């Protein structure tokens, strides 16, 4: 079974985003220098992070990541089911890999494969 593992919110200003979500929802944040990324902690699963963008997208404003143990196999299954790979498997520091895809109807989602725990 695949679960939602991470939700990514775009922002053009990380300071304003942290202030807003921290004051409204009580979320806390951790900066990950290795990948220049700010994680957000909701207190429950799934958590997420902020994607820094130059301008906010008109559609697909949230990146929702579905966890998988085999991102290559999942991308193959997406293609077989007539989905489209929008971003191939990409390494994210030493944390894992991500990819982006669209369903046959055009709904865009992401995949996340964490590095296996030792």
N, C-alpha and C. Protein backbone atom coordinates (compact mmCIF):
# COMPACT_ATOMS: atom_id res chain seq x y z
N UNK A 1 0.85 -1.18 0.00
CA UNK A 1 0.00 0.00 0.00
C UNK A 1 0.89 1.24 0.00
N UNK A 2 0.56 2.20 -0.79
CA UNK A 2 1.32 3.45 -0.87
C UNK A 2 0.55 4.54 -0.12
N UNK A 3 1.24 5.28 0.72
CA UNK A 3 0.62 6.35 1.52
C UNK A 3 1.12 7.71 1.05
N UNK A 4 0.38 8.75 1.38
CA UNK A 4 0.88 10.10 1.16
C UNK A 4 2.02 10.32 2.13
N UNK A 5 3.14 10.82 1.62
CA UNK A 5 4.31 10.94 2.46
C UNK A 5 4.79 12.35 2.69
N UNK A 6 4.43 13.30 1.80
CA UNK A 6 5.01 14.63 1.89
C UNK A 6 4.15 15.58 1.07
N UNK A 7 3.91 16.75 1.57
CA UNK A 7 3.15 17.77 0.84
C UNK A 7 4.04 19.00 0.74
N UNK A 8 4.18 19.53 -0.46
CA UNK A 8 5.07 20.66 -0.70
C UNK A 8 4.25 21.88 -1.12
N UNK A 9 4.46 22.98 -0.41
CA UNK A 9 3.73 24.22 -0.67
C UNK A 9 4.69 25.22 -1.33
N UNK A 10 4.32 25.77 -2.48
CA UNK A 10 5.20 26.75 -3.11
C UNK A 10 5.10 28.10 -2.40
N UNK A 11 6.21 28.82 -2.41
CA UNK A 11 6.24 30.17 -1.84
C UNK A 11 7.31 30.98 -2.55
N UNK A 12 7.07 32.26 -2.64
CA UNK A 12 8.08 33.16 -3.18
C UNK A 12 8.88 33.81 -2.05
N UNK A 13 8.41 33.64 -0.80
CA UNK A 13 9.05 34.28 0.34
C UNK A 13 8.96 33.34 1.56
N UNK A 14 10.05 32.66 1.85
CA UNK A 14 10.06 31.67 2.92
C UNK A 14 9.78 32.31 4.29
N UNK A 15 10.24 33.51 4.52
CA UNK A 15 10.02 34.17 5.81
C UNK A 15 8.53 34.42 6.03
N UNK A 16 7.86 34.95 5.00
CA UNK A 16 6.41 35.20 5.11
C UNK A 16 5.64 33.89 5.24
N UNK A 17 6.06 32.86 4.51
CA UNK A 17 5.36 31.57 4.57
C UNK A 17 5.47 30.98 5.97
N UNK A 18 6.66 31.00 6.55
CA UNK A 18 6.86 30.45 7.89
C UNK A 18 6.04 31.24 8.91
N UNK A 19 6.03 32.55 8.79
CA UNK A 19 5.27 33.39 9.72
C UNK A 19 3.78 33.07 9.62
N UNK A 20 3.25 32.98 8.41
CA UNK A 20 1.83 32.71 8.20
C UNK A 20 1.44 31.33 8.75
N UNK A 21 2.10 30.28 8.27
CA UNK A 21 1.72 28.93 8.66
C UNK A 21 2.03 28.64 10.13
N UNK A 22 3.09 29.27 10.65
CA UNK A 22 3.40 29.12 12.07
C UNK A 22 2.36 29.76 12.96
N UNK A 23 1.93 30.98 12.61
CA UNK A 23 0.97 31.67 13.46
C UNK A 23 -0.45 31.12 13.30
N UNK A 24 -0.84 30.74 12.10
CA UNK A 24 -2.21 30.24 11.88
C UNK A 24 -2.38 28.80 12.35
N UNK A 25 -1.42 27.93 12.02
CA UNK A 25 -1.58 26.50 12.28
C UNK A 25 -0.66 25.94 13.36
N UNK A 26 0.28 26.76 13.84
CA UNK A 26 1.20 26.29 14.88
C UNK A 26 2.28 25.35 14.37
N UNK A 27 2.51 25.34 13.07
CA UNK A 27 3.53 24.47 12.50
C UNK A 27 4.92 24.96 12.89
N UNK A 28 5.88 24.04 12.94
CA UNK A 28 7.28 24.39 13.18
C UNK A 28 8.08 24.03 11.93
N UNK A 29 9.33 24.48 11.88
CA UNK A 29 10.11 24.38 10.65
C UNK A 29 11.56 24.00 10.95
N UNK A 30 12.16 23.28 9.99
CA UNK A 30 13.56 22.89 10.08
C UNK A 30 14.20 23.17 8.74
N UNK A 31 15.30 23.90 8.76
CA UNK A 31 16.04 24.18 7.53
C UNK A 31 17.04 23.05 7.29
N UNK A 32 17.07 22.51 6.05
CA UNK A 32 17.99 21.45 5.67
C UNK A 32 19.01 22.05 4.71
N UNK A 33 20.17 22.40 5.23
CA UNK A 33 21.18 23.09 4.44
C UNK A 33 21.65 22.28 3.24
N UNK A 34 21.78 20.96 3.39
CA UNK A 34 22.28 20.09 2.31
C UNK A 34 21.52 20.29 1.00
N UNK A 35 20.22 20.55 1.09
CA UNK A 35 19.41 20.71 -0.12
C UNK A 35 18.74 22.08 -0.18
N UNK A 36 19.13 23.01 0.70
CA UNK A 36 18.57 24.37 0.73
C UNK A 36 17.04 24.31 0.71
N UNK A 37 16.47 23.70 1.76
CA UNK A 37 15.04 23.40 1.79
C UNK A 37 14.53 23.53 3.22
N UNK A 38 13.32 24.04 3.37
CA UNK A 38 12.72 24.17 4.69
C UNK A 38 11.59 23.16 4.83
N UNK A 39 11.74 22.25 5.79
CA UNK A 39 10.70 21.29 6.11
C UNK A 39 9.67 21.94 7.01
N UNK A 40 8.43 21.51 6.89
CA UNK A 40 7.39 21.97 7.82
C UNK A 40 6.88 20.76 8.59
N UNK A 41 6.62 20.99 9.87
CA UNK A 41 6.18 19.92 10.77
C UNK A 41 4.79 20.28 11.30
N UNK A 42 3.82 19.45 10.95
CA UNK A 42 2.44 19.71 11.33
C UNK A 42 2.07 19.08 12.67
N UNK A 43 2.90 18.19 13.15
CA UNK A 43 2.59 17.46 14.38
C UNK A 43 1.95 16.11 14.09
N UNK A 44 1.57 15.88 12.84
CA UNK A 44 1.00 14.60 12.41
C UNK A 44 1.54 14.29 11.02
N UNK A 45 1.38 13.03 10.60
CA UNK A 45 1.83 12.61 9.26
C UNK A 45 0.70 12.86 8.27
N UNK A 46 0.91 13.33 7.06
CA UNK A 46 2.21 13.66 6.51
C UNK A 46 2.63 15.08 6.87
N UNK A 47 3.94 15.29 6.81
CA UNK A 47 4.50 16.62 6.97
C UNK A 47 4.81 17.15 5.58
N UNK A 48 5.67 18.13 5.46
CA UNK A 48 5.94 18.68 4.14
C UNK A 48 7.10 19.64 4.14
N UNK A 49 7.06 20.53 3.16
CA UNK A 49 8.11 21.52 3.02
C UNK A 49 7.68 22.63 2.09
N UNK A 50 8.55 23.61 1.94
CA UNK A 50 8.28 24.75 1.07
C UNK A 50 9.17 24.69 -0.16
N UNK A 51 8.56 24.79 -1.32
CA UNK A 51 9.30 24.88 -2.57
C UNK A 51 9.42 26.36 -2.92
N UNK A 52 10.65 26.87 -3.00
CA UNK A 52 10.86 28.27 -3.35
C UNK A 52 10.70 28.42 -4.86
N UNK A 53 9.81 29.32 -5.27
CA UNK A 53 9.55 29.56 -6.69
C UNK A 53 9.67 31.06 -6.98
N UNK A 54 9.95 31.39 -8.24
CA UNK A 54 10.05 32.80 -8.62
C UNK A 54 8.68 33.46 -8.67
N UNK A 55 7.68 32.66 -9.14
CA UNK A 55 6.30 33.14 -9.11
C UNK A 55 5.39 31.94 -8.90
N UNK A 56 4.28 32.18 -8.25
CA UNK A 56 3.37 31.08 -7.92
C UNK A 56 2.72 30.53 -9.19
N UNK A 57 2.60 29.21 -9.27
CA UNK A 57 1.96 28.61 -10.44
C UNK A 57 0.46 28.89 -10.44
N UNK A 58 -0.13 28.93 -11.62
CA UNK A 58 -1.56 29.16 -11.74
C UNK A 58 -2.35 27.89 -11.47
N UNK A 59 -1.72 26.73 -11.66
CA UNK A 59 -2.37 25.45 -11.36
C UNK A 59 -1.35 24.55 -10.66
N UNK A 60 -1.87 23.52 -10.02
CA UNK A 60 -0.98 22.57 -9.36
C UNK A 60 -0.13 23.19 -8.28
N UNK A 61 -0.75 24.00 -7.41
CA UNK A 61 0.04 24.73 -6.44
C UNK A 61 0.63 23.86 -5.33
N UNK A 62 0.06 22.72 -5.06
CA UNK A 62 0.63 21.83 -4.06
C UNK A 62 1.27 20.64 -4.75
N UNK A 63 2.43 20.23 -4.26
CA UNK A 63 3.05 19.00 -4.71
C UNK A 63 2.77 17.95 -3.65
N UNK A 64 2.01 16.93 -4.01
CA UNK A 64 1.68 15.86 -3.08
C UNK A 64 2.49 14.64 -3.48
N UNK A 65 3.26 14.12 -2.54
CA UNK A 65 4.17 13.00 -2.80
C UNK A 65 3.57 11.70 -2.27
N UNK A 66 3.52 10.69 -3.13
CA UNK A 66 3.10 9.35 -2.75
C UNK A 66 4.37 8.53 -2.54
N UNK A 67 4.49 7.90 -1.38
CA UNK A 67 5.69 7.13 -1.07
C UNK A 67 5.69 5.81 -1.82
N UNK A 68 6.88 5.39 -2.24
CA UNK A 68 7.07 4.12 -2.91
C UNK A 68 8.42 3.54 -2.51
N UNK A 69 8.52 2.22 -2.51
CA UNK A 69 9.80 1.57 -2.23
C UNK A 69 10.59 1.35 -3.51
N UNK A 70 9.93 1.50 -4.67
CA UNK A 70 10.57 1.25 -5.96
C UNK A 70 10.09 2.29 -6.97
N UNK A 71 10.74 3.44 -6.97
CA UNK A 71 10.30 4.54 -7.83
C UNK A 71 10.38 4.16 -9.31
N UNK A 72 11.40 3.40 -9.70
CA UNK A 72 11.53 2.99 -11.10
C UNK A 72 10.36 2.09 -11.50
N UNK A 73 10.02 1.15 -10.66
CA UNK A 73 8.90 0.25 -10.93
C UNK A 73 7.57 0.99 -10.97
N UNK A 74 7.42 1.97 -10.07
CA UNK A 74 6.18 2.75 -10.04
C UNK A 74 6.06 3.61 -11.29
N UNK A 75 7.16 4.20 -11.75
CA UNK A 75 7.12 4.99 -12.99
C UNK A 75 6.76 4.10 -14.19
N UNK A 76 7.27 2.89 -14.19
CA UNK A 76 6.94 1.94 -15.27
C UNK A 76 5.45 1.63 -15.24
N UNK A 77 4.90 1.40 -14.03
CA UNK A 77 3.47 1.12 -13.89
C UNK A 77 2.62 2.32 -14.32
N UNK A 78 3.10 3.53 -14.04
CA UNK A 78 2.38 4.75 -14.46
C UNK A 78 2.32 4.81 -15.98
N UNK A 79 3.45 4.56 -16.63
CA UNK A 79 3.47 4.57 -18.10
C UNK A 79 2.53 3.49 -18.67
N UNK A 80 2.56 2.30 -18.08
CA UNK A 80 1.71 1.19 -18.53
C UNK A 80 0.23 1.51 -18.38
N UNK A 81 -0.10 2.32 -17.39
CA UNK A 81 -1.50 2.69 -17.14
C UNK A 81 -1.88 3.97 -17.89
N UNK A 82 -1.06 4.36 -18.86
CA UNK A 82 -1.29 5.53 -19.72
C UNK A 82 -1.10 6.87 -19.02
N UNK A 83 -0.36 6.85 -17.90
CA UNK A 83 0.02 8.09 -17.26
C UNK A 83 1.26 8.64 -17.96
N UNK A 84 1.68 9.83 -17.57
CA UNK A 84 2.82 10.48 -18.21
C UNK A 84 3.85 10.89 -17.16
N UNK A 85 5.11 10.58 -17.40
CA UNK A 85 6.17 11.00 -16.49
C UNK A 85 6.56 12.44 -16.86
N UNK A 86 6.43 13.35 -15.91
CA UNK A 86 6.73 14.77 -16.15
C UNK A 86 8.13 15.14 -15.68
N UNK A 87 8.63 14.44 -14.66
CA UNK A 87 9.99 14.65 -14.17
C UNK A 87 10.53 13.27 -13.80
N UNK A 88 11.60 12.86 -14.45
CA UNK A 88 12.16 11.53 -14.18
C UNK A 88 12.74 11.47 -12.77
N UNK A 89 13.11 10.29 -12.36
CA UNK A 89 13.70 10.06 -11.04
C UNK A 89 14.88 11.01 -10.83
N UNK A 90 14.82 11.77 -9.73
CA UNK A 90 15.83 12.77 -9.42
C UNK A 90 16.27 12.60 -7.97
N UNK A 91 17.57 12.56 -7.74
CA UNK A 91 18.09 12.41 -6.39
C UNK A 91 17.92 13.71 -5.61
N UNK A 92 17.56 13.57 -4.33
CA UNK A 92 17.41 14.70 -3.43
C UNK A 92 18.43 14.52 -2.30
N UNK A 93 19.61 15.08 -2.52
CA UNK A 93 20.68 14.95 -1.53
C UNK A 93 20.90 13.50 -1.16
N UNK A 94 21.09 13.24 0.13
CA UNK A 94 21.28 11.88 0.61
C UNK A 94 19.99 11.31 1.21
N UNK A 95 18.86 12.00 0.92
CA UNK A 95 17.59 11.63 1.53
C UNK A 95 16.77 10.64 0.72
N UNK A 96 16.87 10.71 -0.62
CA UNK A 96 16.05 9.82 -1.44
C UNK A 96 15.91 10.34 -2.86
N UNK A 97 14.82 9.94 -3.53
CA UNK A 97 14.58 10.32 -4.92
C UNK A 97 13.14 10.77 -5.08
N UNK A 98 12.92 11.64 -6.05
CA UNK A 98 11.58 12.09 -6.36
C UNK A 98 11.35 12.03 -7.85
N UNK A 99 10.08 12.06 -8.23
CA UNK A 99 9.67 12.11 -9.64
C UNK A 99 8.30 12.75 -9.67
N UNK A 100 7.89 13.19 -10.86
CA UNK A 100 6.58 13.83 -11.02
C UNK A 100 5.87 13.16 -12.19
N UNK A 101 4.56 12.98 -12.06
CA UNK A 101 3.80 12.32 -13.11
C UNK A 101 2.41 12.93 -13.23
N UNK A 102 1.73 12.61 -14.32
CA UNK A 102 0.35 13.02 -14.53
C UNK A 102 -0.48 11.77 -14.79
N UNK A 103 -1.69 11.77 -14.27
CA UNK A 103 -2.63 10.69 -14.55
C UNK A 103 -3.13 10.85 -15.99
N UNK A 104 -3.82 9.85 -16.53
CA UNK A 104 -4.36 10.01 -17.88
C UNK A 104 -5.29 11.23 -18.02
N UNK A 105 -5.90 11.68 -16.92
CA UNK A 105 -6.76 12.87 -16.95
C UNK A 105 -5.98 14.17 -16.78
N UNK A 106 -4.70 14.06 -16.46
CA UNK A 106 -3.88 15.27 -16.32
C UNK A 106 -3.64 15.73 -14.90
N UNK A 107 -4.07 14.97 -13.89
CA UNK A 107 -3.80 15.34 -12.50
C UNK A 107 -2.32 15.09 -12.23
N UNK A 108 -1.62 16.11 -11.71
CA UNK A 108 -0.19 16.00 -11.46
C UNK A 108 0.08 15.67 -10.00
N UNK A 109 0.92 14.64 -9.79
CA UNK A 109 1.33 14.20 -8.46
C UNK A 109 2.81 13.87 -8.49
N UNK A 110 3.38 13.61 -7.32
CA UNK A 110 4.80 13.29 -7.22
C UNK A 110 4.99 11.95 -6.52
N UNK A 111 6.16 11.37 -6.74
CA UNK A 111 6.57 10.16 -6.04
C UNK A 111 7.76 10.46 -5.15
N UNK A 112 7.89 9.72 -4.06
CA UNK A 112 9.02 9.85 -3.16
C UNK A 112 9.50 8.46 -2.75
N UNK A 113 10.78 8.21 -2.94
CA UNK A 113 11.41 6.98 -2.47
C UNK A 113 12.53 7.36 -1.53
N UNK A 114 12.34 7.14 -0.22
CA UNK A 114 13.40 7.48 0.72
C UNK A 114 14.55 6.48 0.62
N UNK A 115 15.74 6.91 1.02
CA UNK A 115 16.88 6.02 1.10
C UNK A 115 16.54 4.97 2.15
N UNK A 116 16.77 3.70 1.86
CA UNK A 116 16.45 2.65 2.84
C UNK A 116 17.19 2.89 4.16
N UNK A 117 16.49 2.62 5.26
CA UNK A 117 17.10 2.77 6.58
C UNK A 117 18.05 1.62 6.84
N UNK A 118 19.19 1.94 7.42
CA UNK A 118 20.21 0.93 7.70
C UNK A 118 19.81 -0.01 8.80
